[in-house]
Amino acid sequence: MASNLDRYRSDLSALVHLSGKMLSDLHLRHLKDQKRLNKGQEDAAKQVGGSFERDYQHWYTEARAVLSQLVPDRLQEFDQLYRGDGKRKTVDVTEGRHDKHPSLLRLRRSAR
C-alpha cells in the first residue's frame, strides 16, 4: 500500500510532466510564429500541439489540489493569480498576472 508521501510524489511528478508539456506547446508555437522551428521541433510541436488549451483546466485543478495539501497558506494567493476577476476581455502581458484563461487566450495567428 502506497503511503501518503508516495502518493504526493506521484501526483506532483504527473503535474510537473503535464506542466512541461503545456509549456513546450506554448514555446514551440512561439518558435513557429518566429519561423525558427527546426525539423525536430516540428515533430515535437505535432505531439504537444493544442495541449495548453486541452490540459489547462486539468492542470489548474491538480495544481490547486497539490497546493491545498502541501502549502495551504498559499492557496489564496494561487487563486488570486489564476482566477482573475472575470471582467477582463483582453490580456496584457505587462501586468504580470496569470489570469489568462484559455477562453481569453487566443493566439493571433489570423491577425498576422
Protein backbone atom coordinates (compact mmCIF):
# COMPACT_ATOMS: atom_id res chain seq x y z
CA MET A 1 0.00 0.00 0.00
CA ALA A 2 1.39 3.40 -1.02
CA SER A 3 1.93 5.95 1.70
CA ASN A 4 0.57 9.48 1.51
CA LEU A 5 4.07 10.71 0.76
CA ASP A 6 4.37 8.30 -2.18
CA ARG A 7 1.01 9.47 -3.49
CA TYR A 8 2.06 13.14 -3.19
CA ARG A 9 5.29 12.40 -5.04
CA SER A 10 3.41 10.63 -7.80
CA ASP A 11 0.82 13.41 -8.10
CA LEU A 12 3.50 16.09 -8.14
CA SER A 13 5.55 14.22 -10.73
CA ALA A 14 2.49 13.91 -13.01
CA LEU A 15 1.72 17.60 -12.54
CA VAL A 16 5.30 18.62 -13.40
CA HIS A 17 5.15 16.42 -16.52
CA LEU A 18 1.85 17.99 -17.62
CA SER A 19 3.22 21.48 -16.94
CA GLY A 20 6.25 20.75 -19.10
CA LYS A 21 4.08 19.52 -21.94
CA MET A 22 1.93 22.65 -21.82
CA LEU A 23 4.98 24.90 -21.66
CA SER A 24 6.54 23.09 -24.63
CA ASP A 25 3.35 23.65 -26.61
CA LEU A 26 3.49 27.40 -25.99
CA HIS A 27 7.24 27.61 -26.60
CA LEU A 28 7.09 25.68 -29.86
CA ARG A 29 4.19 27.84 -31.09
CA HIS A 30 6.32 30.89 -30.40
CA LEU A 31 9.24 29.43 -32.35
CA LYS A 32 6.91 28.56 -35.22
CA ASP A 33 5.49 32.10 -35.27
CA GLN A 34 9.06 33.42 -35.35
CA LYS A 35 9.89 30.97 -38.17
CA ARG A 36 12.69 29.47 -36.08
CA LEU A 37 11.35 25.92 -35.74
CA ASN A 38 13.70 23.17 -36.90
CA LYS A 39 12.64 19.71 -38.14
CA GLY A 40 12.98 18.01 -34.76
CA GLN A 41 10.97 20.77 -33.14
CA GLU A 42 8.29 20.47 -35.83
CA ASP A 43 7.81 16.83 -34.86
CA ALA A 44 7.67 17.72 -31.17
CA ALA A 45 5.17 20.51 -31.93
CA LYS A 46 2.87 17.98 -33.59
CA GLN A 47 2.99 15.77 -30.49
CA VAL A 48 2.20 18.51 -27.97
CA GLY A 49 0.13 20.78 -30.22
CA GLY A 50 -3.01 22.05 -28.51
CA SER A 51 -2.04 20.67 -25.12
CA PHE A 52 -2.23 24.07 -23.45
CA GLU A 53 -5.90 24.58 -24.26
CA ARG A 54 -6.76 20.90 -23.85
CA ASP A 55 -5.00 20.41 -20.50
CA TYR A 56 -5.25 23.79 -18.76
CA GLN A 57 -8.36 23.03 -16.68
CA HIS A 58 -6.94 19.68 -15.57
CA TRP A 59 -3.61 21.33 -14.70
CA TYR A 60 -5.34 24.07 -12.71
CA THR A 61 -7.45 21.58 -10.76
CA GLU A 62 -4.48 19.35 -9.97
CA ALA A 63 -2.16 22.25 -9.11
CA ARG A 64 -4.75 23.69 -6.75
CA ALA A 65 -5.24 20.32 -5.07
CA VAL A 66 -1.49 19.84 -4.58
CA LEU A 67 -1.13 23.33 -3.14
CA SER A 68 -4.07 22.82 -0.79
CA GLN A 69 -2.36 19.74 0.62
CA LEU A 70 1.26 20.87 0.71
CA VAL A 71 1.09 24.65 1.29
CA PRO A 72 -2.49 25.55 2.20
CA ASP A 73 -1.47 29.01 3.41
CA ARG A 74 -0.52 29.89 -0.22
CA LEU A 75 -3.82 28.73 -1.76
CA GLN A 76 -5.48 32.14 -1.62
CA GLU A 77 -2.52 33.67 -3.48
CA PHE A 78 -2.76 30.98 -6.16
CA ASP A 79 -6.48 31.63 -6.55
CA GLN A 80 -5.91 35.37 -6.93
CA LEU A 81 -3.22 34.85 -9.56
CA TYR A 82 -5.09 32.34 -11.68
CA ARG A 83 -8.78 33.10 -11.31
CA GLY A 84 -8.78 36.82 -12.04
CA ASP A 85 -11.88 38.94 -11.73
CA GLY A 86 -13.83 37.65 -14.75
CA LYS A 87 -14.31 41.15 -16.20
CA ARG A 88 -11.30 41.16 -18.48
CA LYS A 89 -11.75 40.93 -22.22
CA THR A 90 -8.09 41.28 -23.19
CA VAL A 91 -4.75 40.04 -21.94
CA ASP A 92 -1.90 42.42 -21.14
CA VAL A 93 1.34 40.56 -20.54
CA THR A 94 2.91 43.61 -18.89
CA GLU A 95 0.64 43.20 -15.87
CA GLY A 96 2.47 40.07 -14.72
CA ARG A 97 -0.74 38.26 -13.80
CA HIS A 98 -1.72 34.71 -14.65
CA ASP A 99 -5.44 35.25 -15.20
CA LYS A 100 -5.10 34.26 -18.81
CA HIS A 101 -7.76 31.60 -19.02
CA PRO A 102 -7.69 29.70 -22.33
CA SER A 103 -11.00 31.27 -23.34
CA LEU A 104 -9.24 34.65 -23.22
CA LEU A 105 -6.02 33.40 -24.76
CA ARG A 106 -6.19 33.37 -28.49
CA LEU A 107 -3.02 33.26 -30.44
CA ARG A 108 -3.32 35.93 -33.01
CA ARG A 109 -2.11 33.87 -35.91
CA SER A 110 -5.00 35.01 -38.06
CA ALA A 111 -4.05 38.64 -37.40
CA ARG A 112 -0.54 38.11 -38.76
